[in-house]
Amino acid sequence: MDKQNEKKKVDESWKDSVEKEKSSDNKEGGFAPPEADFNLFVTSMALQASIALGIVANPSTGKKESNLSQAKFLIDTLAMLQEKTSGNLSEEEGRLLENALYELRLQYVENNK
């Protein structure tokens, strides 16, 4: 009978921990943020610039809206990041940053006509 009580105690403890985990997930929005990563950071900045350029719909409004001053700031920030990290990036990271800047600058010029 002791084993049965012990098992019941373990089951209850497990259920309690699952409930606590569920409630903490709900408080935090239901997901854990991804681990910080250079590629994710560059992609996030490029996505924000794409939203500011009106390439991608603004997730808040669902509409494509253009804000060229914000786009310029984000593009300039990525360019500064490229300059400051020169020689310290992996080949993949450097290529990602270079391609993102190329595409964003091209779109910025198109939008500024």
PDB file of N, CA and C in Angstrom:
ATOM      1  N   MET A   1       0.810  -1.191   0.000  1.00  0.00           N
ATOM      2  CA  MET A   1       0.000   0.000   0.000  1.00  0.00           C
ATOM      3  C   MET A   1       0.858   1.262   0.000  1.00  0.00           C
ATOM      4  N   ASP A   2       2.057   1.191   0.601  1.00  0.00           N
ATOM      5  CA  ASP A   2       2.945   2.338   0.604  1.00  0.00           C
ATOM      6  C   ASP A   2       3.346   2.722  -0.811  1.00  0.00           C
ATOM      7  N   LYS A   3       3.615   1.713  -1.626  1.00  0.00           N
ATOM      8  CA  LYS A   3       3.994   1.988  -3.018  1.00  0.00           C
ATOM      9  C   LYS A   3       2.855   2.667  -3.761  1.00  0.00           C
ATOM     10  N   GLN A   4       1.658   2.235  -3.492  1.00  0.00           N
ATOM     11  CA  GLN A   4       0.496   2.823  -4.158  1.00  0.00           C
ATOM     12  C   GLN A   4       0.313   4.281  -3.726  1.00  0.00           C
ATOM     13  N   ASN A   5       0.473   4.571  -2.453  1.00  0.00           N
ATOM     14  CA  ASN A   5       0.373   5.947  -1.959  1.00  0.00           C
ATOM     15  C   ASN A   5       1.491   6.808  -2.534  1.00  0.00           C
ATOM     16  N   GLU A   6       2.686   6.212  -2.607  1.00  0.00           N
ATOM     17  CA  GLU A   6       3.831   6.940  -3.166  1.00  0.00           C
ATOM     18  C   GLU A   6       3.574   7.271  -4.635  1.00  0.00           C
ATOM     19  N   LYS A   7       3.027   6.295  -5.379  1.00  0.00           N
ATOM     20  CA  LYS A   7       2.717   6.516  -6.792  1.00  0.00           C
ATOM     21  C   LYS A   7       1.664   7.610  -6.941  1.00  0.00           C
ATOM     22  N   LYS A   8       0.671   7.580  -6.079  1.00  0.00           N
ATOM     23  CA  LYS A   8      -0.389   8.580  -6.117  1.00  0.00           C
ATOM     24  C   LYS A   8       0.188   9.972  -5.846  1.00  0.00           C
ATOM     25  N   LYS A   9       1.132  10.050  -4.900  1.00  0.00           N
ATOM     26  CA  LYS A   9       1.778  11.305  -4.555  1.00  0.00           C
ATOM     27  C   LYS A   9       2.576  11.842  -5.746  1.00  0.00           C
ATOM     28  N   VAL A  10       3.311  10.964  -6.428  1.00  0.00           N
ATOM     29  CA  VAL A  10       4.089  11.344  -7.605  1.00  0.00           C
ATOM     30  C   VAL A  10       3.161  11.822  -8.709  1.00  0.00           C
ATOM     31  N   ASP A  11       2.062  11.105  -8.934  1.00  0.00           N
ATOM     32  CA  ASP A  11       1.087  11.499  -9.955  1.00  0.00           C
ATOM     33  C   ASP A  11       0.523  12.885  -9.665  1.00  0.00           C
ATOM     34  N   GLU A  12       0.177  13.136  -8.411  1.00  0.00           N
ATOM     35  CA  GLU A  12      -0.371  14.447  -8.036  1.00  0.00           C
ATOM     36  C   GLU A  12       0.672  15.538  -8.241  1.00  0.00           C
ATOM     37  N   SER A  13       1.905  15.256  -7.861  1.00  0.00           N
ATOM     38  CA  SER A  13       2.988  16.228  -8.022  1.00  0.00           C
ATOM     39  C   SER A  13       3.203  16.548  -9.496  1.00  0.00           C
ATOM     40  N   TRP A  14       3.165  15.524 -10.322  1.00  0.00           N
ATOM     41  CA  TRP A  14       3.341  15.708 -11.774  1.00  0.00           C
ATOM     42  C   TRP A  14       2.207  16.550 -12.337  1.00  0.00           C
ATOM     43  N   LYS A  15       0.985  16.249 -11.925  1.00  0.00           N
ATOM     44  CA  LYS A  15      -0.176  17.013 -12.393  1.00  0.00           C
ATOM     45  C   LYS A  15      -0.060  18.480 -11.988  1.00  0.00           C
ATOM     46  N   ASP A  16       0.390  18.720 -10.760  1.00  0.00           N
ATOM     47  CA  ASP A  16       0.558  20.102 -10.292  1.00  0.00           C
ATOM     48  C   ASP A  16       1.596  20.844 -11.126  1.00  0.00           C
ATOM     49  N   SER A  17       2.705  20.186 -11.426  1.00  0.00           N
ATOM     50  CA  SER A  17       3.754  20.861 -12.206  1.00  0.00           C
ATOM     51  C   SER A  17       3.292  21.141 -13.633  1.00  0.00           C
ATOM     52  N   VAL A  18       2.503  20.248 -14.204  1.00  0.00           N
ATOM     53  CA  VAL A  18       1.965  20.469 -15.549  1.00  0.00           C
ATOM     54  C   VAL A  18       1.010  21.658 -15.538  1.00  0.00           C
ATOM     55  N   GLU A  19       0.166  21.739 -14.529  1.00  0.00           N
ATOM     56  CA  GLU A  19      -0.774  22.860 -14.412  1.00  0.00           C
ATOM     57  C   GLU A  19      -0.036  24.186 -14.262  1.00  0.00           C
ATOM     58  N   LYS A  20       1.022  24.201 -13.446  1.00  0.00           N
ATOM     59  CA  LYS A  20       1.808  25.426 -13.267  1.00  0.00           C
ATOM     60  C   LYS A  20       2.451  25.844 -14.583  1.00  0.00           C
ATOM     61  N   GLU A  21       2.971  24.861 -15.307  1.00  0.00           N
ATOM     62  CA  GLU A  21       3.608  25.145 -16.597  1.00  0.00           C
ATOM     63  C   GLU A  21       2.595  25.712 -17.587  1.00  0.00           C
ATOM     64  N   LYS A  22       1.410  25.125 -17.626  1.00  0.00           N
ATOM     65  CA  LYS A  22       0.362  25.620 -18.527  1.00  0.00           C
ATOM     66  C   LYS A  22      -0.014  27.055 -18.190  1.00  0.00           C
ATOM     67  N   SER A  23      -0.191  27.343 -16.907  1.00  0.00           N
ATOM     68  CA  SER A  23      -0.595  28.698 -16.528  1.00  0.00           C
ATOM     69  C   SER A  23       0.522  29.698 -16.784  1.00  0.00           C
ATOM     70  N   SER A  24       1.779  29.319 -16.611  1.00  0.00           N
ATOM     71  CA  SER A  24       2.877  30.256 -16.897  1.00  0.00           C
ATOM     72  C   SER A  24       3.008  30.480 -18.397  1.00  0.00           C
ATOM     73  N   ASP A  25       2.743  29.470 -19.214  1.00  0.00           N
ATOM     74  CA  ASP A  25       2.758  29.632 -20.670  1.00  0.00           C
ATOM     75  C   ASP A  25       1.688  30.620 -21.105  1.00  0.00           C
ATOM     76  N   ASN A  26       0.517  30.526 -20.502  1.00  0.00           N
ATOM     77  CA  ASN A  26      -0.575  31.432 -20.858  1.00  0.00           C
ATOM     78  C   ASN A  26      -0.250  32.869 -20.477  1.00  0.00           C
ATOM     79  N   LYS A  27       0.434  33.068 -19.371  1.00  0.00           N
ATOM     80  CA  LYS A  27       0.803  34.413 -18.941  1.00  0.00           C
ATOM     81  C   LYS A  27       1.822  35.033 -19.891  1.00  0.00           C
ATOM     82  N   GLU A  28       2.690  34.227 -20.474  1.00  0.00           N
ATOM     83  CA  GLU A  28       3.748  34.725 -21.339  1.00  0.00           C
ATOM     84  C   GLU A  28       3.346  34.741 -22.808  1.00  0.00           C
ATOM     85  N   GLY A  29       2.129  34.502 -23.131  1.00  0.00           N
ATOM     86  CA  GLY A  29       1.703  34.533 -24.517  1.00  0.00           C
ATOM     87  C   GLY A  29       1.692  33.160 -25.173  1.00  0.00           C
ATOM     88  N   GLY A  30       2.040  32.115 -24.453  1.00  0.00           N
ATOM     89  CA  GLY A  30       1.897  30.774 -24.974  1.00  0.00           C
ATOM     90  C   GLY A  30       3.088  30.230 -25.738  1.00  0.00           C
ATOM     91  N   PHE A  31       4.208  30.973 -25.827  1.00  0.00           N
ATOM     92  CA  PHE A  31       5.365  30.415 -26.506  1.00  0.00           C
ATOM     93  C   PHE A  31       6.638  31.023 -25.934  1.00  0.00           C
ATOM     94  N   ALA A  32       7.708  30.286 -26.074  1.00  0.00           N
ATOM     95  CA  ALA A  32       9.007  30.789 -25.632  1.00  0.00           C
ATOM     96  C   ALA A  32       9.674  31.500 -26.805  1.00  0.00           C
ATOM     97  N   PRO A  33      10.289  32.640 -26.561  1.00  0.00           N
ATOM     98  CA  PRO A  33      10.955  33.346 -27.661  1.00  0.00           C
ATOM     99  C   PRO A  33      12.155  32.540 -28.151  1.00  0.00           C
ATOM    100  N   PRO A  34      12.506  32.701 -29.426  1.00  0.00           N
ATOM    101  CA  PRO A  34      13.654  31.960 -29.947  1.00  0.00           C
ATOM    102  C   PRO A  34      14.949  32.451 -29.311  1.00  0.00           C
ATOM    103  N   GLU A  35      15.956  31.620 -29.382  1.00  0.00           N
ATOM    104  CA  GLU A  35      17.265  31.984 -28.854  1.00  0.00           C
ATOM    105  C   GLU A  35      17.871  33.097 -29.711  1.00  0.00           C
ATOM    106  N   ALA A  36      18.562  34.034 -29.073  1.00  0.00           N
ATOM    107  CA  ALA A  36      19.183  35.148 -29.795  1.00  0.00           C
ATOM    108  C   ALA A  36      20.221  34.610 -30.782  1.00  0.00           C
ATOM    109  N   ASP A  37      20.168  35.137 -32.005  1.00  0.00           N
ATOM    110  CA  ASP A  37      21.026  34.645 -33.071  1.00  0.00           C
ATOM    111  C   ASP A  37      21.240  35.790 -34.065  1.00  0.00           C
ATOM    112  N   PHE A  38      22.445  35.926 -34.616  1.00  0.00           N
ATOM    113  CA  PHE A  38      22.742  37.027 -35.531  1.00  0.00           C
ATOM    114  C   PHE A  38      21.843  36.988 -36.761  1.00  0.00           C
ATOM    115  N   ASN A  39      21.684  35.823 -37.365  1.00  0.00           N
ATOM    116  CA  ASN A  39      20.842  35.705 -38.565  1.00  0.00           C
ATOM    117  C   ASN A  39      19.394  36.095 -38.269  1.00  0.00           C
ATOM    118  N   LEU A  40      18.895  35.690 -37.124  1.00  0.00           N
ATOM    119  CA  LEU A  40      17.531  36.049 -36.731  1.00  0.00           C
ATOM    120  C   LEU A  40      17.417  37.560 -36.529  1.00  0.00           C
ATOM    121  N   PHE A  41      18.448  38.159 -35.939  1.00  0.00           N
ATOM    122  CA  PHE A  41      18.446  39.605 -35.723  1.00  0.00           C
ATOM    123  C   PHE A  41      18.413  40.353 -37.055  1.00  0.00           C
ATOM    124  N   VAL A  42      19.281  39.963 -37.988  1.00  0.00           N
ATOM    125  CA  VAL A  42      19.325  40.619 -39.301  1.00  0.00           C
ATOM    126  C   VAL A  42      17.998  40.425 -40.026  1.00  0.00           C
ATOM    127  N   THR A  43      17.478  39.225 -39.995  1.00  0.00           N
ATOM    128  CA  THR A  43      16.202  38.935 -40.652  1.00  0.00           C
ATOM    129  C   THR A  43      15.075  39.761 -40.038  1.00  0.00           C
ATOM    130  N   SER A  44      15.086  39.898 -38.727  1.00  0.00           N
ATOM    131  CA  SER A  44      14.076  40.702 -38.040  1.00  0.00           C
ATOM    132  C   SER A  44      14.159  42.172 -38.455  1.00  0.00           C
ATOM    133  N   MET A  45      15.369  42.706 -38.512  1.00  0.00           N
ATOM    134  CA  MET A  45      15.548  44.106 -38.936  1.00  0.00           C
ATOM    135  C   MET A  45      15.115  44.279 -40.390  1.00  0.00           C
ATOM    136  N   ALA A  46      15.478  43.322 -41.241  1.00  0.00           N
ATOM    137  CA  ALA A  46      15.108  43.391 -42.656  1.00  0.00           C
ATOM    138  C   ALA A  46      13.589  43.305 -42.817  1.00  0.00           C
ATOM    139  N   LEU A  47      12.948  42.495 -42.002  1.00  0.00           N
ATOM    140  CA  LEU A  47      11.485  42.392 -42.056  1.00  0.00           C
ATOM    141  C   LEU A  47      10.840  43.712 -41.645  1.00  0.00           C
ATOM    142  N   GLN A  48      11.369  44.331 -40.600  1.00  0.00           N
ATOM    143  CA  GLN A  48      10.846  45.633 -40.180  1.00  0.00           C
ATOM    144  C   GLN A  48      11.008  46.665 -41.296  1.00  0.00           C
ATOM    145  N   ALA A  49      12.164  46.632 -41.971  1.00  0.00           N
ATOM    146  CA  ALA A  49      12.394  47.554 -43.088  1.00  0.00           C
ATOM    147  C   ALA A  49      11.429  47.254 -44.229  1.00  0.00           C
ATOM    148  N   SER A  50      11.170  45.984 -44.492  1.00  0.00           N
ATOM    149  CA  SER A  50      10.228  45.597 -45.546  1.00  0.00           C
ATOM    150  C   SER A  50       8.821  46.096 -45.235  1.00  0.00           C
ATOM    151  N   ILE A  51       8.452  46.063 -43.975  1.00  0.00           N
ATOM    152  CA  ILE A  51       7.148  46.590 -43.560  1.00  0.00           C
ATOM    153  C   ILE A  51       7.125  48.098 -43.775  1.00  0.00           C
ATOM    154  N   ALA A  52       8.216  48.778 -43.393  1.00  0.00           N
ATOM    155  CA  ALA A  52       8.290  50.235 -43.545  1.00  0.00           C
ATOM    156  C   ALA A  52       8.302  50.648 -45.013  1.00  0.00           C
ATOM    157  N   LEU A  53       8.814  49.779 -45.881  1.00  0.00           N
ATOM    158  CA  LEU A  53       8.828  50.063 -47.317  1.00  0.00           C
ATOM    159  C   LEU A  53       7.497  49.726 -47.984  1.00  0.00           C
ATOM    160  N   GLY A  54       6.615  49.067 -47.260  1.00  0.00           N
ATOM    161  CA  GLY A  54       5.327  48.693 -47.830  1.00  0.00           C
ATOM    162  C   GLY A  54       5.382  47.418 -48.652  1.00  0.00           C
ATOM    163  N   ILE A  55       6.461  46.665 -48.525  1.00  0.00           N
ATOM    164  CA  ILE A  55       6.608  45.388 -49.240  1.00  0.00           C
ATOM    165  C   ILE A  55       5.746  44.328 -48.552  1.00  0.00           C
ATOM    166  N   VAL A  56       5.756  44.367 -47.235  1.00  0.00           N
ATOM    167  CA  VAL A  56       5.037  43.405 -46.401  1.00  0.00           C
ATOM    168  C   VAL A  56       3.962  44.168 -45.625  1.00  0.00           C
ATOM    169  N   ALA A  57       2.815  43.552 -45.478  1.00  0.00           N
ATOM    170  CA  ALA A  57       1.724  44.184 -44.722  1.00  0.00           C
ATOM    171  C   ALA A  57       2.120  44.354 -43.258  1.00  0.00           C
ATOM    172  N   ASN A  58       1.730  45.461 -42.696  1.00  0.00           N
ATOM    173  CA  ASN A  58       1.958  45.722 -41.283  1.00  0.00           C
ATOM    174  C   ASN A  58       1.117  44.731 -40.482  1.00  0.00           C
ATOM    175  N   PRO A  59       1.737  43.939 -39.604  1.00  0.00           N
ATOM    176  CA  PRO A  59       0.962  42.941 -38.862  1.00  0.00           C
ATOM    177  C   PRO A  59      -0.089  43.554 -37.938  1.00  0.00           C
ATOM    178  N   SER A  60       0.100  44.789 -37.534  1.00  0.00           N
ATOM    179  CA  SER A  60      -0.871  45.451 -36.650  1.00  0.00           C
ATOM    180  C   SER A  60      -2.141  45.853 -37.390  1.00  0.00           C
ATOM    181  N   THR A  61      -1.969  46.295 -38.643  1.00  0.00           N
ATOM    182  CA  THR A  61      -3.121  46.799 -39.399  1.00  0.00           C
ATOM    183  C   THR A  61      -3.569  45.863 -40.508  1.00  0.00           C
ATOM    184  N   GLY A  62      -2.662  44.972 -40.929  1.00  0.00           N
ATOM    185  CA  GLY A  62      -2.970  44.083 -42.047  1.00  0.00           C
ATOM    186  C   GLY A  62      -2.857  44.781 -43.392  1.00  0.00           C
ATOM    187  N   LYS A  63      -2.377  46.028 -43.382  1.00  0.00           N
ATOM    188  CA  LYS A  63      -2.270  46.811 -44.623  1.00  0.00           C
ATOM    189  C   LYS A  63      -0.810  47.093 -44.946  1.00  0.00           C
ATOM    190  N   LYS A  64      -0.540  47.256 -46.240  1.00  0.00           N
ATOM    191  CA  LYS A  64       0.789  47.673 -46.676  1.00  0.00           C
ATOM    192  C   LYS A  64       0.865  49.190 -46.563  1.00  0.00           C
ATOM    193  N   GLU A  65       1.755  49.645 -45.716  1.00  0.00           N
ATOM    194  CA  GLU A  65       1.912  51.070 -45.460  1.00  0.00           C
ATOM    195  C   GLU A  65       3.377  51.438 -45.629  1.00  0.00           C
ATOM    196  N   SER A  66       3.629  52.584 -46.210  1.00  0.00           N
ATOM    197  CA  SER A  66       4.995  53.023 -46.463  1.00  0.00           C
ATOM    198  C   SER A  66       5.405  54.117 -45.484  1.00  0.00           C
ATOM    199  N   ASN A  67       6.576  53.949 -44.885  1.00  0.00           N
ATOM    200  CA  ASN A  67       7.165  54.955 -44.004  1.00  0.00           C
ATOM    201  C   ASN A  67       8.646  55.015 -44.370  1.00  0.00           C
ATOM    202  N   LEU A  68       8.975  55.842 -45.366  1.00  0.00           N
ATOM    203  CA  LEU A  68      10.327  55.859 -45.917  1.00  0.00           C
ATOM    204  C   LEU A  68      11.382  56.320 -44.917  1.00  0.00           C
ATOM    205  N   SER A  69      11.044  57.215 -44.011  1.00  0.00           N
ATOM    206  CA  SER A  69      12.050  57.648 -43.029  1.00  0.00           C
ATOM    207  C   SER A  69      12.403  56.502 -42.077  1.00  0.00           C
ATOM    208  N   GLN A  70      11.417  55.720 -41.684  1.00  0.00           N
ATOM    209  CA  GLN A  70      11.684  54.557 -40.838  1.00  0.00           C
ATOM    210  C   GLN A  70      12.478  53.514 -41.620  1.00  0.00           C
ATOM    211  N   ALA A  71      12.121  53.297 -42.878  1.00  0.00           N
ATOM    212  CA  ALA A  71      12.844  52.337 -43.716  1.00  0.00           C
ATOM    213  C   ALA A  71      14.301  52.752 -43.857  1.00  0.00           C
ATOM    214  N   LYS A  72      14.543  54.043 -44.104  1.00  0.00           N
ATOM    215  CA  LYS A  72      15.913  54.544 -44.247  1.00  0.00           C
ATOM    216  C   LYS A  72      16.703  54.318 -42.963  1.00  0.00           C
ATOM    217  N   PHE A  73      16.090  54.600 -41.823  1.00  0.00           N
ATOM    218  CA  PHE A  73      16.754  54.380 -40.540  1.00  0.00           C
ATOM    219  C   PHE A  73      17.156  52.911 -40.378  1.00  0.00           C
ATOM    220  N   LEU A  74      16.252  52.002 -40.683  1.00  0.00           N
ATOM    221  CA  LEU A  74      16.531  50.572 -40.531  1.00  0.00           C
ATOM    222  C   LEU A  74      17.604  50.106 -41.509  1.00  0.00           C
ATOM    223  N   ILE A  75      17.561  50.595 -42.742  1.00  0.00           N
ATOM    224  CA  ILE A  75      18.578  50.238 -43.736  1.00  0.00           C
ATOM    225  C   ILE A  75      19.934  50.786 -43.299  1.00  0.00           C
ATOM    226  N   ASP A  76      19.963  52.031 -42.843  1.00  0.00           N
ATOM    227  CA  ASP A  76      21.213  52.627 -42.355  1.00  0.00           C
ATOM    228  C   ASP A  76      21.754  51.876 -41.140  1.00  0.00           C
ATOM    229  N   THR A  77      20.870  51.409 -40.285  1.00  0.00           N
ATOM    230  CA  THR A  77      21.284  50.635 -39.113  1.00  0.00           C
ATOM    231  C   THR A  77      21.918  49.318 -39.540  1.00  0.00           C
ATOM    232  N   LEU A  78      21.321  48.647 -40.516  1.00  0.00           N
ATOM    233  CA  LEU A  78      21.911  47.405 -41.032  1.00  0.00           C
ATOM    234  C   LEU A  78      23.256  47.676 -41.694  1.00  0.00           C
ATOM    235  N   ALA A  79      23.372  48.796 -42.406  1.00  0.00           N
ATOM    236  CA  ALA A  79      24.642  49.157 -43.051  1.00  0.00           C
ATOM    237  C   ALA A  79      25.716  49.432 -41.994  1.00  0.00           C
ATOM    238  N   MET A  80      25.355  50.112 -40.925  1.00  0.00           N
ATOM    239  CA  MET A  80      26.282  50.365 -39.827  1.00  0.00           C
ATOM    240  C   MET A  80      26.711  49.050 -39.189  1.00  0.00           C
ATOM    241  N   LEU A  81      25.780  48.147 -39.014  1.00  0.00           N
ATOM    242  CA  LEU A  81      26.081  46.833 -38.455  1.00  0.00           C
ATOM    243  C   LEU A  81      27.060  46.086 -39.358  1.00  0.00           C
ATOM    244  N   GLN A  82      26.847  46.175 -40.667  1.00  0.00           N
ATOM    245  CA  GLN A  82      27.744  45.531 -41.622  1.00  0.00           C
ATOM    246  C   GLN A  82      29.155  46.108 -41.498  1.00  0.00           C
ATOM    247  N   GLU A  83      29.240  47.416 -41.395  1.00  0.00           N
ATOM    248  CA  GLU A  83      30.541  48.084 -41.281  1.00  0.00           C
ATOM    249  C   GLU A  83      31.248  47.699 -39.981  1.00  0.00           C
ATOM    250  N   LYS A  84      30.524  47.715 -38.883  1.00  0.00           N
ATOM    251  CA  LYS A  84      31.113  47.452 -37.564  1.00  0.00           C
ATOM    252  C   LYS A  84      31.485  45.982 -37.360  1.00  0.00           C
ATOM    253  N   THR A  85      30.840  45.085 -38.083  1.00  0.00           N
ATOM    254  CA  THR A  85      31.121  43.653 -37.918  1.00  0.00           C
ATOM    255  C   THR A  85      32.002  43.107 -39.034  1.00  0.00           C
ATOM    256  N   SER A  86      32.484  43.984 -39.900  1.00  0.00           N
ATOM    257  CA  SER A  86      33.320  43.560 -41.031  1.00  0.00           C
ATOM    258  C   SER A  86      34.507  42.722 -40.539  1.00  0.00           C
ATOM    259  N   GLY A  87      34.659  41.550 -41.123  1.00  0.00           N
ATOM    260  CA  GLY A  87      35.745  40.650 -40.751  1.00  0.00           C
ATOM    261  C   GLY A  87      35.425  39.747 -39.572  1.00  0.00           C
ATOM    262  N   ASN A  88      34.293  39.941 -38.944  1.00  0.00           N
ATOM    263  CA  ASN A  88      33.932  39.141 -37.771  1.00  0.00           C
ATOM    264  C   ASN A  88      32.727  38.239 -37.999  1.00  0.00           C
ATOM    265  N   LEU A  89      32.227  38.200 -39.221  1.00  0.00           N
ATOM    266  CA  LEU A  89      31.044  37.397 -39.523  1.00  0.00           C
ATOM    267  C   LEU A  89      31.427  36.123 -40.253  1.00  0.00           C
ATOM    268  N   SER A  90      30.612  35.101 -40.081  1.00  0.00           N
ATOM    269  CA  SER A  90      30.797  33.895 -40.883  1.00  0.00           C
ATOM    270  C   SER A  90      30.404  34.235 -42.320  1.00  0.00           C
ATOM    271  N   GLU A  91      30.768  33.376 -43.236  1.00  0.00           N
ATOM    272  CA  GLU A  91      30.421  33.600 -44.646  1.00  0.00           C
ATOM    273  C   GLU A  91      28.900  33.711 -44.813  1.00  0.00           C
ATOM    274  N   GLU A  92      28.183  32.836 -44.135  1.00  0.00           N
ATOM    275  CA  GLU A  92      26.712  32.835 -44.217  1.00  0.00           C
ATOM    276  C   GLU A  92      26.125  34.140 -43.674  1.00  0.00           C
ATOM    277  N   GLU A  93      26.627  34.592 -42.530  1.00  0.00           N
ATOM    278  CA  GLU A  93      26.127  35.827 -41.925  1.00  0.00           C
ATOM    279  C   GLU A  93      26.411  37.036 -42.811  1.00  0.00           C
ATOM    280  N   GLY A  94      27.624  37.090 -43.355  1.00  0.00           N
ATOM    281  CA  GLY A  94      27.994  38.196 -44.238  1.00  0.00           C
ATOM    282  C   GLY A  94      27.133  38.239 -45.484  1.00  0.00           C
ATOM    283  N   ARG A  95      26.882  37.067 -46.055  1.00  0.00           N
ATOM    284  CA  ARG A  95      26.047  36.972 -47.260  1.00  0.00           C
ATOM    285  C   ARG A  95      24.609  37.399 -46.963  1.00  0.00           C
ATOM    286  N   LEU A  96      24.087  36.963 -45.836  1.00  0.00           N
ATOM    287  CA  LEU A  96      22.723  37.329 -45.446  1.00  0.00           C
ATOM    288  C   LEU A  96      22.593  38.844 -45.314  1.00  0.00           C
ATOM    289  N   LEU A  97      23.531  39.459 -44.643  1.00  0.00           N
ATOM    290  CA  LEU A  97      23.497  40.904 -44.432  1.00  0.00           C
ATOM    291  C   LEU A  97      23.656  41.652 -45.750  1.00  0.00           C
ATOM    292  N   GLU A  98      24.586  41.196 -46.575  1.00  0.00           N
ATOM    293  CA  GLU A  98      24.812  41.832 -47.880  1.00  0.00           C
ATOM    294  C   GLU A  98      23.573  41.731 -48.771  1.00  0.00           C
ATOM    295  N   ASN A  99      22.978  40.550 -48.836  1.00  0.00           N
ATOM    296  CA  ASN A  99      21.782  40.359 -49.671  1.00  0.00           C
ATOM    297  C   ASN A  99      20.593  41.167 -49.156  1.00  0.00           C
ATOM    298  N   ALA A 100      20.429  41.195 -47.842  1.00  0.00           N
ATOM    299  CA  ALA A 100      19.323  41.965 -47.259  1.00  0.00           C
ATOM    300  C   ALA A 100      19.481  43.442 -47.596  1.00  0.00           C
ATOM    301  N   LEU A 101      20.692  43.967 -47.436  1.00  0.00           N
ATOM    302  CA  LEU A 101      20.929  45.378 -47.741  1.00  0.00           C
ATOM    303  C   LEU A 101      20.716  45.673 -49.215  1.00  0.00           C
ATOM    304  N   TYR A 102      21.170  44.788 -50.078  1.00  0.00           N
ATOM    305  CA  TYR A 102      21.004  44.989 -51.520  1.00  0.00           C
ATOM    306  C   TYR A 102      19.518  45.092 -51.877  1.00  0.00           C
ATOM    307  N   GLU A 103      18.738  44.123 -51.409  1.00  0.00           N
ATOM    308  CA  GLU A 103      17.305  44.095 -51.721  1.00  0.00           C
ATOM    309  C   GLU A 103      16.573  45.303 -51.136  1.00  0.00           C
ATOM    310  N   LEU A 104      16.893  45.641 -49.906  1.00  0.00           N
ATOM    311  CA  LEU A 104      16.214  46.763 -49.253  1.00  0.00           C
ATOM    312  C   LEU A 104      16.563  48.094 -49.911  1.00  0.00           C
ATOM    313  N   ARG A 105      17.836  48.263 -50.250  1.00  0.00           N
ATOM    314  CA  ARG A 105      18.242  49.509 -50.921  1.00  0.00           C
ATOM    315  C   ARG A 105      17.574  49.640 -52.280  1.00  0.00           C
ATOM    316  N   LEU A 106      17.516  48.546 -53.006  1.00  0.00           N
ATOM    317  CA  LEU A 106      16.866  48.548 -54.313  1.00  0.00           C
ATOM    318  C   LEU A 106      15.399  48.960 -54.175  1.00  0.00           C
ATOM    319  N   GLN A 107      14.712  48.375 -53.221  1.00  0.00           N
ATOM    320  CA  GLN A 107      13.299  48.692 -52.998  1.00  0.00           C
ATOM    321  C   GLN A 107      13.127  50.131 -52.516  1.00  0.00           C
ATOM    322  N   TYR A 108      14.053  50.605 -51.687  1.00  0.00           N
ATOM    323  CA  TYR A 108      13.981  51.982 -51.192  1.00  0.00           C
ATOM    324  C   TYR A 108      14.081  52.974 -52.352  1.00  0.00           C
ATOM    325  N   VAL A 109      15.017  52.728 -53.267  1.00  0.00           N
ATOM    326  CA  VAL A 109      15.176  53.600 -54.436  1.00  0.00           C
ATOM    327  C   VAL A 109      13.910  53.562 -55.290  1.00  0.00           C
ATOM    328  N   GLU A 110      13.349  52.370 -55.491  1.00  0.00           N
ATOM    329  CA  GLU A 110      12.108  52.233 -56.269  1.00  0.00           C
ATOM    330  C   GLU A 110      10.967  53.024 -55.627  1.00  0.00           C
ATOM    331  N   ASN A 111      10.859  52.933 -54.319  1.00  0.00           N
ATOM    332  CA  ASN A 111       9.775  53.623 -53.606  1.00  0.00           C
ATOM    333  C   ASN A 111       9.979  55.131 -53.562  1.00  0.00           C
ATOM    334  N   ASN A 112      11.214  55.566 -53.716  1.00  0.00           N
ATOM    335  CA  ASN A 112      11.539  56.985 -53.605  1.00  0.00           C
ATOM    336  C   ASN A 112      11.436  57.727 -54.933  1.00  0.00           C
ATOM    337  N   LYS A 113      11.070  57.048 -55.996  1.00  0.00           N
ATOM    338  CA  LYS A 113      10.966  57.682 -57.324  1.00  0.00           C
ATOM    339  C   LYS A 113       9.770  58.582 -57.412  1.00  0.00           C
TER     340      LYS A 113
END
